[in-house]
């Protein structure tokens, strides 16, 4: 184990300061802060002993090229560049840096990968989590809530009992999304019922002073990783062919809602997207669905060769 260099020590100090700023000033979730830390540690690993304020755009381009050659997608690299760019803006504002080497650097384009969604039948089947014990009751409530309301993982984990007590009877819940933006999302009747069952047994797991709606085996707020593992577990146990994860339920929520309503703006509001362009990816999914219906049902769809 080598002793950290002065560059490593400085980078780590800058990183911790930046993460504190993201948490305290930008009100980013712990999960988002961890993602930023991972992206910035990639930068530190690539730059080695190079002092950050000497980095130039051509070096950043080389780093991006190296990561792309290792298999990172254009979308992942664009997100990473955004994290790096924000970090250098912070250094310019708070630490006297005069240049942001990421300005003007673009990630390579990659083919758009459409988000996967469960079929409506698969989604309904996934809700059949048996209430065999307190953790299964908790998991059923989480699955119902993710699919009913299209929450992000961080939004689900961040919910408190008080959030539910205030609005469960109205069939809605207020959540805090990216950038601390709040929105009210509806709760389906099955989600409301599952949450009520969970609240009735929550005290069997939760510590007396724990505010979180969903808790782990230690009685504290459940971690994002545990939610991911439990979703995967139930997907396998219930025979779902797709690998089940929280964002799959969010994608399924959006896709099924758009198929039924055709209202892109409403889906945008419910998902908490700041830009309609982010939501438009679901129109491609919807078109795929409509194409299948057309091919199967329209008398002129199948042409003879």
Protein backbone atom coordinates (compact mmCIF):
# COMPACT_ATOMS: atom_id res chain seq x y z
CA UNK A 1 0.00 0.00 0.00
CA UNK A 2 1.63 3.21 -1.19
CA UNK A 3 1.53 6.53 0.61
CA UNK A 4 -0.82 8.98 -1.14
CA UNK A 5 0.91 11.62 -3.24
CA UNK A 6 0.30 15.31 -2.70
CA UNK A 7 -1.82 15.31 -5.86
CA UNK A 8 -3.97 12.44 -4.53
CA UNK A 9 -4.41 14.23 -1.22
CA UNK A 10 -5.38 17.48 -2.91
CA UNK A 11 -7.81 15.74 -5.27
CA UNK A 12 -9.45 13.93 -2.37
CA UNK A 13 -9.85 17.17 -0.43
CA UNK A 14 -11.40 18.87 -3.46
CA UNK A 15 -13.69 15.87 -4.00
CA UNK A 16 -14.98 15.87 -0.42
CA UNK A 17 -15.59 19.61 -0.59
CA UNK A 18 -17.49 19.24 -3.84
CA UNK A 19 -19.61 16.36 -2.54
CA UNK A 20 -20.47 18.37 0.57
CA UNK A 21 -21.53 21.25 -1.68
CA UNK A 22 -23.72 18.92 -3.78
CA UNK A 23 -25.40 17.52 -0.67
CA UNK A 24 -25.83 20.76 1.26
CA UNK A 25 -26.30 23.41 -1.41
CA UNK A 26 -27.75 21.48 -4.35
CA UNK A 27 -29.65 19.10 -2.02
CA UNK A 28 -28.62 16.07 -4.08
CA UNK A 29 -29.40 12.64 -2.67
CA UNK A 30 -26.69 10.42 -1.22
CA UNK A 31 -27.08 8.07 -4.19
CA UNK A 32 -26.49 10.92 -6.65
CA UNK A 33 -23.46 12.12 -4.67
CA UNK A 34 -22.02 8.60 -4.78
CA UNK A 35 -22.44 8.55 -8.57
CA UNK A 36 -20.58 11.86 -8.84
CA UNK A 37 -17.80 10.51 -6.63
CA UNK A 38 -17.45 7.42 -8.83
CA UNK A 39 -17.25 9.53 -11.99
CA UNK A 40 -14.67 11.88 -10.49
CA UNK A 41 -12.54 9.04 -9.19
CA UNK A 42 -12.41 7.84 -12.80
CA UNK A 43 -10.95 11.22 -13.72
CA UNK A 44 -8.39 11.05 -10.92
CA UNK A 45 -7.37 7.56 -11.98
CA UNK A 46 -6.86 8.64 -15.58
CA UNK A 47 -4.98 11.84 -14.74
CA UNK A 48 -2.67 10.16 -12.21
CA UNK A 49 -0.16 12.62 -10.78
CA UNK A 50 -1.15 15.39 -13.18
CA UNK A 51 -2.20 18.50 -11.28
CA UNK A 52 -5.83 19.20 -12.12
CA UNK A 53 -5.37 22.88 -12.94
CA UNK A 54 -2.89 21.97 -15.68
CA UNK A 55 -5.31 19.71 -17.56
CA UNK A 56 -6.29 20.78 -21.07
CA UNK A 57 -9.16 19.86 -23.34
CA UNK A 58 -7.04 17.52 -25.49
CA UNK A 59 -6.22 15.46 -22.38
CA UNK A 60 -9.89 15.23 -21.41
CA UNK A 61 -10.67 14.06 -24.96
CA UNK A 62 -7.97 11.40 -24.65
CA UNK A 63 -9.44 10.19 -21.34
CA UNK A 64 -12.91 9.98 -22.89
CA UNK A 65 -11.46 8.05 -25.82
CA UNK A 66 -9.78 5.60 -23.46
CA UNK A 67 -13.01 4.99 -21.57
CA UNK A 68 -14.95 4.59 -24.82
CA UNK A 69 -12.45 1.97 -26.01
CA UNK A 70 -13.11 0.07 -22.77
CA UNK A 71 -16.76 -0.22 -23.68
CA UNK A 72 -18.43 2.74 -21.96
CA UNK A 73 -21.40 4.01 -23.96
CA UNK A 74 -21.77 7.52 -25.29
CA UNK A 75 -24.58 8.11 -22.81
CA UNK A 76 -22.41 7.04 -19.86
CA UNK A 77 -19.55 9.21 -21.06
CA UNK A 78 -21.85 12.21 -21.52
CA UNK A 79 -23.00 11.82 -17.91
CA UNK A 80 -19.40 11.50 -16.77
CA UNK A 81 -18.35 14.61 -18.70
CA UNK A 82 -21.20 16.52 -17.08
CA UNK A 83 -19.91 15.49 -13.64
CA UNK A 84 -16.36 16.50 -14.54
CA UNK A 85 -17.53 19.82 -15.98
CA UNK A 86 -19.50 20.63 -12.84
CA UNK A 87 -16.51 19.74 -10.68
CA UNK A 88 -14.22 22.13 -12.55
CA UNK A 89 -16.86 24.87 -12.35
CA UNK A 90 -16.80 24.36 -8.58
CA UNK A 91 -12.98 24.60 -8.55
CA UNK A 92 -13.15 27.83 -10.58
CA UNK A 93 -15.72 29.32 -8.24
CA UNK A 94 -14.26 28.24 -4.89
CA UNK A 95 -10.60 27.41 -5.45
CA UNK A 96 -9.26 29.95 -7.92
CA UNK A 97 -9.05 27.74 -11.01
CA UNK A 98 -9.07 29.79 -14.21
CA UNK A 99 -10.03 27.18 -16.81
CA UNK A 100 -12.51 24.35 -17.29
CA UNK A 101 -10.85 21.82 -19.62
CA UNK A 102 -14.15 20.00 -20.17
CA UNK A 103 -15.81 22.92 -21.95
CA UNK A 104 -16.33 22.05 -25.61
CA UNK A 105 -15.51 18.36 -25.13
CA UNK A 106 -18.28 16.05 -26.30
CA UNK A 107 -18.88 12.38 -25.72
CA UNK A 108 -19.00 10.11 -28.77
CA UNK A 109 -22.49 9.37 -30.00
CA UNK A 110 -23.81 5.88 -29.61
CA UNK A 111 -26.94 4.19 -30.86
CA UNK A 112 -29.96 5.00 -28.74
CA UNK A 113 -30.85 2.10 -26.47
CA UNK A 114 -34.54 2.06 -25.73
CA UNK A 115 -35.42 1.42 -22.10
CA UNK A 116 -36.79 -2.04 -21.48
CA UNK A 117 -40.28 -2.41 -20.07
CA UNK A 118 -42.28 -5.31 -18.71
CA UNK A 119 -45.43 -6.35 -20.52
CA UNK A 120 -48.61 -5.40 -18.65
CA UNK A 121 -49.16 -9.08 -17.79
CA UNK A 122 -45.61 -9.41 -16.43
CA UNK A 123 -46.07 -6.27 -14.35
CA UNK A 124 -49.28 -7.61 -12.82
CA UNK A 125 -47.62 -10.96 -12.13
CA UNK A 126 -44.72 -9.22 -10.37
CA UNK A 127 -47.22 -7.75 -7.91
CA UNK A 128 -48.03 -11.27 -6.68
CA UNK A 129 -45.43 -11.15 -3.90
CA UNK A 130 -46.78 -13.43 -1.15
CA UNK A 131 -47.19 -11.79 2.27
CA UNK A 132 -45.18 -14.58 3.93
CA UNK A 133 -43.21 -12.38 6.35
CA UNK A 134 -42.55 -8.75 7.25
CA UNK A 135 -39.82 -8.23 4.63
CA UNK A 136 -42.03 -9.69 1.90
CA UNK A 137 -44.82 -7.30 2.95
CA UNK A 138 -42.32 -4.42 2.74
CA UNK A 139 -41.08 -5.57 -0.67
CA UNK A 140 -44.60 -5.88 -2.06
CA UNK A 141 -45.33 -2.30 -0.95
CA UNK A 142 -42.12 -1.07 -2.62
CA UNK A 143 -42.87 -2.90 -5.87
CA UNK A 144 -46.48 -1.65 -5.95
CA UNK A 145 -45.30 1.91 -5.28
CA UNK A 146 -42.56 1.86 -7.93
CA UNK A 147 -44.93 0.59 -10.61
CA UNK A 148 -47.96 2.60 -9.48
CA UNK A 149 -46.18 5.95 -9.37
CA UNK A 150 -43.00 5.64 -11.47
CA UNK A 151 -40.67 6.72 -8.68
CA UNK A 152 -36.91 6.82 -9.02
CA UNK A 153 -34.97 4.58 -6.67
CA UNK A 154 -33.63 7.56 -4.70
CA UNK A 155 -37.16 8.96 -4.37
CA UNK A 156 -38.46 5.67 -2.99
CA UNK A 157 -35.62 5.33 -0.49
CA UNK A 158 -36.03 8.96 0.58
CA UNK A 159 -39.71 8.66 1.54
CA UNK A 160 -40.65 9.12 5.19
CA UNK A 161 -43.66 7.81 7.10
CA UNK A 162 -44.82 11.41 7.51
CA UNK A 163 -45.01 11.76 3.71
CA UNK A 164 -47.52 8.92 3.60
CA UNK A 165 -49.50 9.88 6.67
CA UNK A 166 -50.12 13.30 5.14
CA UNK A 167 -51.60 12.13 1.85
CA UNK A 168 -52.22 8.37 1.74
CA UNK A 169 -55.94 8.87 2.26
CA UNK A 170 -56.00 11.15 -0.79
CA UNK A 171 -54.30 8.53 -2.94
CA UNK A 172 -51.20 10.58 -3.58
CA UNK A 173 -47.73 11.25 -2.23
CA UNK A 174 -45.28 14.15 -2.46
CA UNK A 175 -41.77 13.10 -3.49
CA UNK A 176 -38.50 14.99 -3.78
CA UNK A 177 -36.78 14.33 -7.09
CA UNK A 178 -33.59 15.46 -8.81
CA UNK A 179 -32.37 18.88 -7.79
CA UNK A 180 -34.72 18.83 -4.78
CA UNK A 181 -37.71 19.42 -7.05
CA UNK A 182 -40.92 18.26 -5.45
CA UNK A 183 -43.90 16.79 -7.25
CA UNK A 184 -47.12 15.08 -6.23
CA UNK A 185 -47.75 11.67 -7.78
CA UNK A 186 -50.92 9.58 -7.60
CA UNK A 187 -51.07 6.23 -5.84
CA UNK A 188 -53.13 3.40 -7.30
CA UNK A 189 -55.58 1.62 -5.01
CA UNK A 190 -53.41 -1.52 -4.93
CA UNK A 191 -50.37 0.53 -3.92
CA UNK A 192 -52.38 2.26 -1.19
CA UNK A 193 -53.56 -1.10 0.14
CA UNK A 194 -50.03 -2.57 0.10
CA UNK A 195 -48.59 0.46 1.90
CA UNK A 196 -51.30 0.27 4.59
CA UNK A 197 -50.45 -3.40 5.20
CA UNK A 198 -46.75 -2.49 5.44
CA UNK A 199 -47.40 0.39 7.85
CA UNK A 200 -49.32 -1.99 10.11
CA UNK A 201 -46.23 -4.22 10.53
CA UNK A 202 -43.42 -1.70 10.00
CA UNK A 203 -42.73 -1.42 13.73
CA UNK A 204 -41.56 -5.04 13.71
CA UNK A 205 -38.48 -3.89 11.78
CA UNK A 206 -38.11 -0.15 12.31
CA UNK A 207 -36.32 1.53 15.18
CA UNK A 208 -38.56 3.69 17.31
CA UNK A 209 -36.93 6.93 16.13
CA UNK A 210 -36.59 6.01 12.43
CA UNK A 211 -38.47 8.37 10.10
CA UNK A 212 -37.99 6.38 6.88
CA UNK A 213 -41.00 4.72 5.29
CA UNK A 214 -39.01 1.68 4.20
CA UNK A 215 -36.39 0.15 6.50
CA UNK A 216 -33.89 -2.68 6.34
CA UNK A 217 -33.20 -5.50 8.77
CA UNK A 218 -31.26 -3.15 11.07
CA UNK A 219 -34.29 -0.95 11.47
CA UNK A 220 -32.81 2.00 9.61
CA UNK A 221 -33.62 3.56 6.23
CA UNK A 222 -33.31 0.89 3.57
CA UNK A 223 -30.31 1.24 1.24
CA UNK A 224 -30.67 1.53 -2.54
CA UNK A 225 -28.60 -1.63 -2.96
CA UNK A 226 -30.96 -3.68 -0.79
CA UNK A 227 -33.94 -2.47 -2.84
CA UNK A 228 -32.16 -3.52 -6.03
CA UNK A 229 -31.33 -6.96 -4.64
CA UNK A 230 -34.89 -7.54 -3.42
CA UNK A 231 -36.38 -6.54 -6.78
CA UNK A 232 -34.06 -9.00 -8.53
CA UNK A 233 -34.93 -11.71 -6.00
CA UNK A 234 -38.66 -11.41 -6.55
CA UNK A 235 -38.30 -11.23 -10.31
CA UNK A 236 -36.47 -14.56 -10.29
CA UNK A 237 -38.80 -16.16 -7.74
CA UNK A 238 -41.91 -15.15 -9.67
CA UNK A 239 -40.50 -16.31 -13.00
CA UNK A 240 -40.17 -12.92 -14.72
CA UNK A 241 -37.91 -13.41 -17.75
CA UNK A 242 -36.46 -9.87 -17.61
CA UNK A 243 -33.97 -8.93 -14.91
CA UNK A 244 -36.13 -6.89 -12.53
CA UNK A 245 -34.72 -3.67 -11.07
CA UNK A 246 -36.31 -0.44 -9.77
CA UNK A 247 -35.80 1.53 -12.99
CA UNK A 248 -37.45 -1.24 -15.01
CA UNK A 249 -40.63 -0.59 -13.03
CA UNK A 250 -40.32 3.15 -13.71
CA UNK A 251 -39.92 2.44 -17.44
CA UNK A 252 -42.89 0.07 -17.33
CA UNK A 253 -45.01 2.68 -15.53
CA UNK A 254 -44.24 5.28 -18.22
CA UNK A 255 -44.68 2.92 -21.16
CA UNK A 256 -48.00 1.48 -20.01
CA UNK A 257 -49.35 4.92 -19.12
CA UNK A 258 -48.40 6.31 -22.52
CA UNK A 259 -49.92 3.31 -24.31
CA UNK A 260 -53.21 3.87 -22.50
CA UNK A 261 -53.40 7.67 -22.56
CA UNK A 262 -51.15 8.96 -25.35
CA UNK A 263 -50.55 12.03 -23.17
CA UNK A 264 -46.80 12.67 -23.29
CA UNK A 265 -46.99 15.86 -21.21
CA UNK A 266 -48.79 14.09 -18.38
CA UNK A 267 -46.20 11.31 -18.38
CA UNK A 268 -43.46 13.96 -18.27
CA UNK A 269 -45.03 15.55 -15.19
CA UNK A 270 -45.53 12.23 -13.42
CA UNK A 271 -41.94 11.14 -14.08
CA UNK A 272 -40.55 14.49 -12.93
CA UNK A 273 -38.64 15.09 -16.17
CA UNK A 274 -37.56 18.71 -16.56
CA UNK A 275 -37.44 18.36 -20.36
CA UNK A 276 -39.99 16.76 -22.66
CA UNK A 277 -37.09 15.41 -24.77
CA UNK A 278 -36.19 13.03 -21.93
CA UNK A 279 -39.71 11.63 -21.94
CA UNK A 280 -39.90 11.27 -25.72
CA UNK A 281 -37.87 8.06 -25.60
CA UNK A 282 -41.10 6.39 -24.48
CA UNK A 283 -42.83 7.40 -27.72
CA UNK A 284 -40.41 5.06 -29.50
CA UNK A 285 -41.43 2.25 -27.17
CA UNK A 286 -45.07 3.09 -27.75
CA UNK A 287 -44.57 3.01 -31.52
CA UNK A 288 -42.95 -0.42 -31.23
CA UNK A 289 -46.02 -1.61 -29.32
CA UNK A 290 -48.40 -0.10 -31.88
CA UNK A 291 -46.41 -1.67 -34.71
CA UNK A 292 -46.80 -5.11 -33.14
CA UNK A 293 -50.55 -4.57 -32.79
CA UNK A 294 -50.73 -3.42 -36.42
CA UNK A 295 -48.73 -6.38 -37.70
CA UNK A 296 -50.87 -8.83 -35.75
CA UNK A 297 -54.28 -7.31 -36.42
CA UNK A 298 -54.38 -5.27 -39.64
CA UNK A 299 -55.51 -7.25 -42.70
CA UNK A 300 -53.09 -5.39 -44.97
CA UNK A 301 -50.08 -5.59 -42.63
CA UNK A 302 -48.72 -8.90 -43.91
CA UNK A 303 -47.86 -8.61 -47.55
CA UNK A 304 -47.33 -11.63 -49.72
CA UNK A 305 -43.93 -11.81 -51.37
